[in-house]
PDB file of N, CA and C in Angstrom:
ATOM      1  N   MET A   1    -192.973 162.819-118.551  1.00  0.00           N
ATOM      2  CA  MET A   1    -193.642 163.122-117.299  1.00  0.00           C
ATOM      3  C   MET A   1    -194.582 164.305-117.506  1.00  0.00           C
ATOM      4  N   LYS A   2    -195.731 164.221-116.875  1.00  0.00           N
ATOM      5  CA  LYS A   2    -196.738 165.283-116.941  1.00  0.00           C
ATOM      6  C   LYS A   2    -197.003 165.766-115.520  1.00  0.00           C
ATOM      7  N   THR A   3    -197.112 167.076-115.334  1.00  0.00           N
ATOM      8  CA  THR A   3    -197.386 167.645-114.010  1.00  0.00           C
ATOM      9  C   THR A   3    -198.688 168.426-114.051  1.00  0.00           C
ATOM     10  N   VAL A   4    -199.556 168.163-113.062  1.00  0.00           N
ATOM     11  CA  VAL A   4    -200.811 168.907-112.924  1.00  0.00           C
ATOM     12  C   VAL A   4    -200.959 169.325-111.466  1.00  0.00           C
ATOM     13  N   GLN A   5    -201.751 170.360-111.227  1.00  0.00           N
ATOM     14  CA  GLN A   5    -202.020 170.788-109.856  1.00  0.00           C
ATOM     15  C   GLN A   5    -203.355 170.211-109.421  1.00  0.00           C
ATOM     16  N   ILE A   6    -203.361 169.669-108.206  1.00  0.00           N
ATOM     17  CA  ILE A   6    -204.588 169.091-107.670  1.00  0.00           C
ATOM     18  C   ILE A   6    -204.872 169.666-106.288  1.00  0.00           C
ATOM     19  N   SER A   7    -206.097 169.485-105.843  1.00  0.00           N
ATOM     20  CA  SER A   7    -206.507 169.907-104.511  1.00  0.00           C
ATOM     21  C   SER A   7    -207.132 168.709-103.804  1.00  0.00           C
ATOM     22  N   LEU A   8    -206.600 168.384-102.630  1.00  0.00           N
ATOM     23  CA  LEU A   8    -207.130 167.277-101.816  1.00  0.00           C
ATOM     24  C   LEU A   8    -207.476 167.848-100.443  1.00  0.00           C
ATOM     25  N   ASN A   9    -208.573 168.599-100.379  1.00  0.00           N
ATOM     26  CA  ASN A   9    -208.885 169.344 -99.167  1.00  0.00           C
ATOM     27  C   ASN A   9    -209.875 168.658 -98.226  1.00  0.00           C
ATOM     28  N   SER A  10    -210.098 167.354 -98.413  1.00  0.00           N
ATOM     29  CA  SER A  10    -210.949 166.623 -97.465  1.00  0.00           C
ATOM     30  C   SER A  10    -210.492 165.160 -97.403  1.00  0.00           C
ATOM     31  N   ILE A  11    -210.838 164.509 -96.325  1.00  0.00           N
ATOM     32  CA  ILE A  11    -210.444 163.110 -96.135  1.00  0.00           C
ATOM     33  C   ILE A  11    -211.071 162.231 -97.214  1.00  0.00           C
ATOM     34  N   ASP A  12    -212.332 162.473 -97.531  1.00  0.00           N
ATOM     35  CA  ASP A  12    -213.008 161.679 -98.562  1.00  0.00           C
ATOM     36  C   ASP A  12    -212.352 161.859 -99.925  1.00  0.00           C
ATOM     37  N   LYS A  13    -211.906 163.086-100.214  1.00  0.00           N
ATOM     38  CA  LYS A  13    -211.239 163.351-101.485  1.00  0.00           C
ATOM     39  C   LYS A  13    -209.913 162.594-101.567  1.00  0.00           C
ATOM     40  N   VAL A  14    -209.187 162.535-100.463  1.00  0.00           N
ATOM     41  CA  VAL A  14    -207.910 161.806-100.435  1.00  0.00           C
ATOM     42  C   VAL A  14    -208.157 160.320-100.685  1.00  0.00           C
ATOM     43  N   LYS A  15    -209.153 159.756-100.014  1.00  0.00           N
ATOM     44  CA  LYS A  15    -209.467 158.325-100.188  1.00  0.00           C
ATOM     45  C   LYS A  15    -209.832 158.010-101.632  1.00  0.00           C
ATOM     46  N   SER A  16    -210.723 158.797-102.222  1.00  0.00           N
ATOM     47  CA  SER A  16    -211.151 158.507-103.585  1.00  0.00           C
ATOM     48  C   SER A  16    -210.010 158.762-104.574  1.00  0.00           C
ATOM     49  N   PHE A  17    -209.150 159.766-104.299  1.00  0.00           N
ATOM     50  CA  PHE A  17    -207.990 160.026-105.163  1.00  0.00           C
ATOM     51  C   PHE A  17    -207.060 158.815-105.192  1.00  0.00           C
ATOM     52  N   VAL A  18    -206.735 158.272-104.029  1.00  0.00           N
ATOM     53  CA  VAL A  18    -205.843 157.112-103.966  1.00  0.00           C
ATOM     54  C   VAL A  18    -206.491 155.914-104.653  1.00  0.00           C
ATOM     55  N   ASN A  19    -207.784 155.700-104.451  1.00  0.00           N
ATOM     56  CA  ASN A  19    -208.480 154.605-105.131  1.00  0.00           C
ATOM     57  C   ASN A  19    -208.437 154.772-106.651  1.00  0.00           C
ATOM     58  N   ASP A  20    -208.584 156.003-107.122  1.00  0.00           N
ATOM     59  CA  ASP A  20    -208.579 156.250-108.571  1.00  0.00           C
ATOM     60  C   ASP A  20    -207.201 156.018-109.186  1.00  0.00           C
ATOM     61  N   ILE A  21    -206.137 156.483-108.536  1.00  0.00           N
ATOM     62  CA  ILE A  21    -204.823 156.355-109.183  1.00  0.00           C
ATOM     63  C   ILE A  21    -204.205 154.971-109.006  1.00  0.00           C
ATOM     64  N   THR A  22    -204.659 154.197-108.019  1.00  0.00           N
ATOM     65  CA  THR A  22    -204.101 152.846-107.879  1.00  0.00           C
ATOM     66  C   THR A  22    -204.574 151.935-109.015  1.00  0.00           C
ATOM     67  N   LYS A  23    -205.577 152.363-109.772  1.00  0.00           N
ATOM     68  CA  LYS A  23    -206.035 151.592-110.930  1.00  0.00           C
ATOM     69  C   LYS A  23    -205.018 151.637-112.071  1.00  0.00           C
ATOM     70  N   PHE A  24    -204.121 152.633-112.025  1.00  0.00           N
ATOM     71  CA  PHE A  24    -203.115 152.788-113.079  1.00  0.00           C
ATOM     72  C   PHE A  24    -201.794 152.196-112.627  1.00  0.00           C
ATOM     73  N   ASP A  25    -201.056 151.649-113.592  1.00  0.00           N
ATOM     74  CA  ASP A  25    -199.802 150.953-113.289  1.00  0.00           C
ATOM     75  C   ASP A  25    -198.585 151.866-113.404  1.00  0.00           C
ATOM     76  N   TYR A  26    -198.774 153.154-113.240  1.00  0.00           N
ATOM     77  CA  TYR A  26    -197.689 154.110-113.393  1.00  0.00           C
ATOM     78  C   TYR A  26    -197.293 154.668-112.030  1.00  0.00           C
ATOM     79  N   ASP A  27    -196.163 155.400-112.011  1.00  0.00           N
ATOM     80  CA  ASP A  27    -195.727 156.045-110.777  1.00  0.00           C
ATOM     81  C   ASP A  27    -196.296 157.454-110.714  1.00  0.00           C
ATOM     82  N   PHE A  28    -196.761 157.834-109.529  1.00  0.00           N
ATOM     83  CA  PHE A  28    -197.310 159.160-109.282  1.00  0.00           C
ATOM     84  C   PHE A  28    -196.608 159.731-108.055  1.00  0.00           C
ATOM     85  N   ASP A  29    -196.132 160.962-108.149  1.00  0.00           N
ATOM     86  CA  ASP A  29    -195.511 161.636-107.009  1.00  0.00           C
ATOM     87  C   ASP A  29    -196.264 162.914-106.713  1.00  0.00           C
ATOM     88  N   LEU A  30    -196.446 163.198-105.420  1.00  0.00           N
ATOM     89  CA  LEU A  30    -197.004 164.476-105.001  1.00  0.00           C
ATOM     90  C   LEU A  30    -195.862 165.340-104.493  1.00  0.00           C
ATOM     91  N   VAL A  31    -195.820 166.589-104.951  1.00  0.00           N
ATOM     92  CA  VAL A  31    -194.746 167.503-104.568  1.00  0.00           C
ATOM     93  C   VAL A  31    -195.356 168.708-103.870  1.00  0.00           C
ATOM     94  N   SER A  32    -194.940 168.919-102.624  1.00  0.00           N
ATOM     95  CA  SER A  32    -195.399 170.060-101.843  1.00  0.00           C
ATOM     96  C   SER A  32    -194.167 170.684-101.205  1.00  0.00           C
ATOM     97  N   GLY A  33    -193.745 171.816-101.736  1.00  0.00           N
ATOM     98  CA  GLY A  33    -192.518 172.447-101.250  1.00  0.00           C
ATOM     99  C   GLY A  33    -191.330 171.565-101.562  1.00  0.00           C
ATOM    100  N   ARG A  34    -190.586 171.183-100.532  1.00  0.00           N
ATOM    101  CA  ARG A  34    -189.425 170.316-100.770  1.00  0.00           C
ATOM    102  C   ARG A  34    -189.729 168.854-100.508  1.00  0.00           C
ATOM    103  N   TYR A  35    -190.978 168.537-100.215  1.00  0.00           N
ATOM    104  CA  TYR A  35    -191.372 167.156 -99.947  1.00  0.00           C
ATOM    105  C   TYR A  35    -191.912 166.484-101.200  1.00  0.00           C
ATOM    106  N   VAL A  36    -191.446 165.271-101.445  1.00  0.00           N
ATOM    107  CA  VAL A  36    -191.947 164.457-102.558  1.00  0.00           C
ATOM    108  C   VAL A  36    -192.370 163.118-101.965  1.00  0.00           C
ATOM    109  N   ILE A  37    -193.630 162.758-102.163  1.00  0.00           N
ATOM    110  CA  ILE A  37    -194.123 161.495-101.611  1.00  0.00           C
ATOM    111  C   ILE A  37    -194.843 160.701-102.699  1.00  0.00           C
ATOM    112  N   ASP A  38    -194.965 159.398-102.474  1.00  0.00           N
ATOM    113  CA  ASP A  38    -195.693 158.514-103.382  1.00  0.00           C
ATOM    114  C   ASP A  38    -197.178 158.848-103.275  1.00  0.00           C
ATOM    115  N   ALA A  39    -197.794 159.190-104.402  1.00  0.00           N
ATOM    116  CA  ALA A  39    -199.204 159.602-104.396  1.00  0.00           C
ATOM    117  C   ALA A  39    -200.148 158.449-104.075  1.00  0.00           C
ATOM    118  N   LYS A  40    -199.670 157.211-104.103  1.00  0.00           N
ATOM    119  CA  LYS A  40    -200.520 156.069-103.781  1.00  0.00           C
ATOM    120  C   LYS A  40    -200.490 155.741-102.288  1.00  0.00           C
ATOM    121  N   SER A  41    -199.780 156.543-101.505  1.00  0.00           N
ATOM    122  CA  SER A  41    -199.655 156.324-100.068  1.00  0.00           C
ATOM    123  C   SER A  41    -200.571 157.292 -99.307  1.00  0.00           C
ATOM    124  N   ILE A  42    -201.628 156.748 -98.711  1.00  0.00           N
ATOM    125  CA  ILE A  42    -202.561 157.589 -97.949  1.00  0.00           C
ATOM    126  C   ILE A  42    -201.847 158.258 -96.782  1.00  0.00           C
ATOM    127  N   MET A  43    -201.005 157.509 -96.079  1.00  0.00           N
ATOM    128  CA  MET A  43    -200.280 158.082 -94.939  1.00  0.00           C
ATOM    129  C   MET A  43    -199.345 159.198 -95.409  1.00  0.00           C
ATOM    130  N   GLY A  44    -198.704 159.009 -96.548  1.00  0.00           N
ATOM    131  CA  GLY A  44    -197.824 160.040 -97.086  1.00  0.00           C
ATOM    132  C   GLY A  44    -198.585 161.305 -97.431  1.00  0.00           C
ATOM    133  N   ILE A  45    -199.760 161.152 -98.013  1.00  0.00           N
ATOM    134  CA  ILE A  45    -200.565 162.314 -98.399  1.00  0.00           C
ATOM    135  C   ILE A  45    -200.963 163.111 -97.158  1.00  0.00           C
ATOM    136  N   PHE A  46    -201.336 162.423 -96.087  1.00  0.00           N
ATOM    137  CA  PHE A  46    -201.752 163.127 -94.880  1.00  0.00           C
ATOM    138  C   PHE A  46    -200.588 163.809 -94.170  1.00  0.00           C
ATOM    139  N   SER A  47    -199.339 163.518 -94.578  1.00  0.00           N
ATOM    140  CA  SER A  47    -198.196 164.213 -93.983  1.00  0.00           C
ATOM    141  C   SER A  47    -197.948 165.558 -94.664  1.00  0.00           C
ATOM    142  N   LEU A  48    -198.670 165.835 -95.759  1.00  0.00           N
ATOM    143  CA  LEU A  48    -198.500 167.090 -96.490  1.00  0.00           C
ATOM    144  C   LEU A  48    -199.491 168.142 -96.002  1.00  0.00           C
ATOM    145  N   ASP A  49    -199.204 169.395 -96.352  1.00  0.00           N
ATOM    146  CA  ASP A  49    -200.130 170.495 -96.071  1.00  0.00           C
ATOM    147  C   ASP A  49    -201.207 170.477 -97.151  1.00  0.00           C
ATOM    148  N   LEU A  50    -202.391 169.979 -96.811  1.00  0.00           N
ATOM    149  CA  LEU A  50    -203.459 169.796 -97.797  1.00  0.00           C
ATOM    150  C   LEU A  50    -204.322 171.046 -97.981  1.00  0.00           C
ATOM    151  N   SER A  51    -203.985 172.134 -97.275  1.00  0.00           N
ATOM    152  CA  SER A  51    -204.773 173.355 -97.417  1.00  0.00           C
ATOM    153  C   SER A  51    -204.415 174.114 -98.691  1.00  0.00           C
ATOM    154  N   LYS A  52    -203.287 173.741 -99.326  1.00  0.00           N
ATOM    155  CA  LYS A  52    -202.841 174.408-100.552  1.00  0.00           C
ATOM    156  C   LYS A  52    -202.839 173.396-101.700  1.00  0.00           C
ATOM    157  N   PRO A  53    -202.889 173.897-102.931  1.00  0.00           N
ATOM    158  CA  PRO A  53    -202.771 172.984-104.079  1.00  0.00           C
ATOM    159  C   PRO A  53    -201.434 172.253-104.072  1.00  0.00           C
ATOM    160  N   ILE A  54    -201.430 171.036-104.604  1.00  0.00           N
ATOM    161  CA  ILE A  54    -200.247 170.182-104.629  1.00  0.00           C
ATOM    162  C   ILE A  54    -199.958 169.814-106.079  1.00  0.00           C
ATOM    163  N   ASP A  55    -198.671 169.747-106.428  1.00  0.00           N
ATOM    164  CA  ASP A  55    -198.285 169.299-107.774  1.00  0.00           C
ATOM    165  C   ASP A  55    -198.279 167.784-107.819  1.00  0.00           C
ATOM    166  N   LEU A  56    -198.889 167.227-108.854  1.00  0.00           N
ATOM    167  CA  LEU A  56    -198.881 165.788-109.076  1.00  0.00           C
ATOM    168  C   LEU A  56    -198.043 165.497-110.309  1.00  0.00           C
ATOM    169  N   ASN A  57    -196.950 164.758-110.129  1.00  0.00           N
ATOM    170  CA  ASN A  57    -196.110 164.339-111.245  1.00  0.00           C
ATOM    171  C   ASN A  57    -196.542 162.947-111.678  1.00  0.00           C
ATOM    172  N   ILE A  58    -196.913 162.823-112.945  1.00  0.00           N
ATOM    173  CA  ILE A  58    -197.346 161.548-113.503  1.00  0.00           C
ATOM    174  C   ILE A  58    -196.218 161.045-114.393  1.00  0.00           C
ATOM    175  N   HIS A  59    -195.622 159.930-114.042  1.00  0.00           N
ATOM    176  CA  HIS A  59    -194.488 159.386-114.790  1.00  0.00           C
ATOM    177  C   HIS A  59    -195.002 158.428-115.862  1.00  0.00           C
ATOM    178  N   VAL A  60    -195.402 159.021-116.998  1.00  0.00           N
ATOM    179  CA  VAL A  60    -195.969 158.243-118.094  1.00  0.00           C
ATOM    180  C   VAL A  60    -195.650 158.959-119.403  1.00  0.00           C
ATOM    181  N   GLU A  61    -195.460 158.189-120.453  1.00  0.00           N
ATOM    182  CA  GLU A  61    -195.161 158.773-121.760  1.00  0.00           C
ATOM    183  C   GLU A  61    -196.400 158.817-122.658  1.00  0.00           C
ATOM    184  N   ASP A  62    -197.290 157.820-122.515  1.00  0.00           N
ATOM    185  CA  ASP A  62    -198.486 157.776-123.345  1.00  0.00           C
ATOM    186  C   ASP A  62    -199.694 157.482-122.462  1.00  0.00           C
ATOM    187  N   ASN A  63    -200.882 157.472-123.038  1.00  0.00           N
ATOM    188  CA  ASN A  63    -202.137 157.236-122.305  1.00  0.00           C
ATOM    189  C   ASN A  63    -202.397 158.287-121.229  1.00  0.00           C
ATOM    190  N   VAL A  64    -201.867 159.485-121.411  1.00  0.00           N
ATOM    191  CA  VAL A  64    -202.065 160.542-120.420  1.00  0.00           C
ATOM    192  C   VAL A  64    -203.527 160.952-120.345  1.00  0.00           C
ATOM    193  N   GLU A  65    -204.230 160.898-121.461  1.00  0.00           N
ATOM    194  CA  GLU A  65    -205.625 161.343-121.495  1.00  0.00           C
ATOM    195  C   GLU A  65    -206.512 160.526-120.555  1.00  0.00           C
ATOM    196  N   ASP A  66    -206.307 159.201-120.510  1.00  0.00           N
ATOM    197  CA  ASP A  66    -207.101 158.357-119.608  1.00  0.00           C
ATOM    198  C   ASP A  66    -206.883 158.756-118.154  1.00  0.00           C
ATOM    199  N   ILE A  67    -205.630 159.025-117.810  1.00  0.00           N
ATOM    200  CA  ILE A  67    -205.302 159.410-116.432  1.00  0.00           C
ATOM    201  C   ILE A  67    -205.903 160.772-116.106  1.00  0.00           C
ATOM    202  N   LEU A  68    -205.774 161.722-117.028  1.00  0.00           N
ATOM    203  CA  LEU A  68    -206.304 163.068-116.777  1.00  0.00           C
ATOM    204  C   LEU A  68    -207.820 163.051-116.635  1.00  0.00           C
ATOM    205  N   ASP A  69    -208.493 162.175-117.376  1.00  0.00           N
ATOM    206  CA  ASP A  69    -209.949 162.049-117.223  1.00  0.00           C
ATOM    207  C   ASP A  69    -210.303 161.561-115.831  1.00  0.00           C
ATOM    208  N   ALA A  70    -209.537 160.598-115.310  1.00  0.00           N
ATOM    209  CA  ALA A  70    -209.801 160.073-113.972  1.00  0.00           C
ATOM    210  C   ALA A  70    -209.487 161.107-112.896  1.00  0.00           C
ATOM    211  N   LEU A  71    -208.574 162.035-113.183  1.00  0.00           N
ATOM    212  CA  LEU A  71    -208.146 163.020-112.197  1.00  0.00           C
ATOM    213  C   LEU A  71    -208.928 164.327-112.249  1.00  0.00           C
ATOM    214  N   LYS A  72    -209.871 164.450-113.184  1.00  0.00           N
ATOM    215  CA  LYS A  72    -210.625 165.698-113.342  1.00  0.00           C
ATOM    216  C   LYS A  72    -211.248 166.232-112.038  1.00  0.00           C
ATOM    217  N   PRO A  73    -211.831 165.383-111.189  1.00  0.00           N
ATOM    218  CA  PRO A  73    -212.447 165.927-109.968  1.00  0.00           C
ATOM    219  C   PRO A  73    -211.452 166.565-109.003  1.00  0.00           C
ATOM    220  N   TYR A  74    -210.181 166.279-109.158  1.00  0.00           N
ATOM    221  CA  TYR A  74    -209.166 166.782-108.223  1.00  0.00           C
ATOM    222  C   TYR A  74    -208.335 167.922-108.799  1.00  0.00           C
ATOM    223  N   MET A  75    -208.354 168.077-110.116  1.00  0.00           N
ATOM    224  CA  MET A  75    -207.517 169.077-110.756  1.00  0.00           C
ATOM    225  C   MET A  75    -208.065 170.479-110.562  1.00  0.00           C
ATOM    226  N   ILE A  76    -207.141 171.424-110.529  1.00  0.00           N
ATOM    227  CA  ILE A  76    -207.513 172.837-110.349  1.00  0.00           C
ATOM    228  C   ILE A  76    -207.529 173.512-111.703  1.00  0.00           C
TER     229      ILE A  76
END
């Protein structure tokens, strides 16, 4: 598992983030405080406090570089 910090501070950013990660066949979790939600769920993302950076857990053993390249616009 790989963890990175991301920022989703606008509605358009949330939409494009979900579109980008749904292209991958792996599990992604967003962690904000004690809440853990599926990162592919737009409704779940909007239930979080988006004013602060959020931890993204990527459940993958290999091909991390392809995912990190796709996530560059959101990473802090």
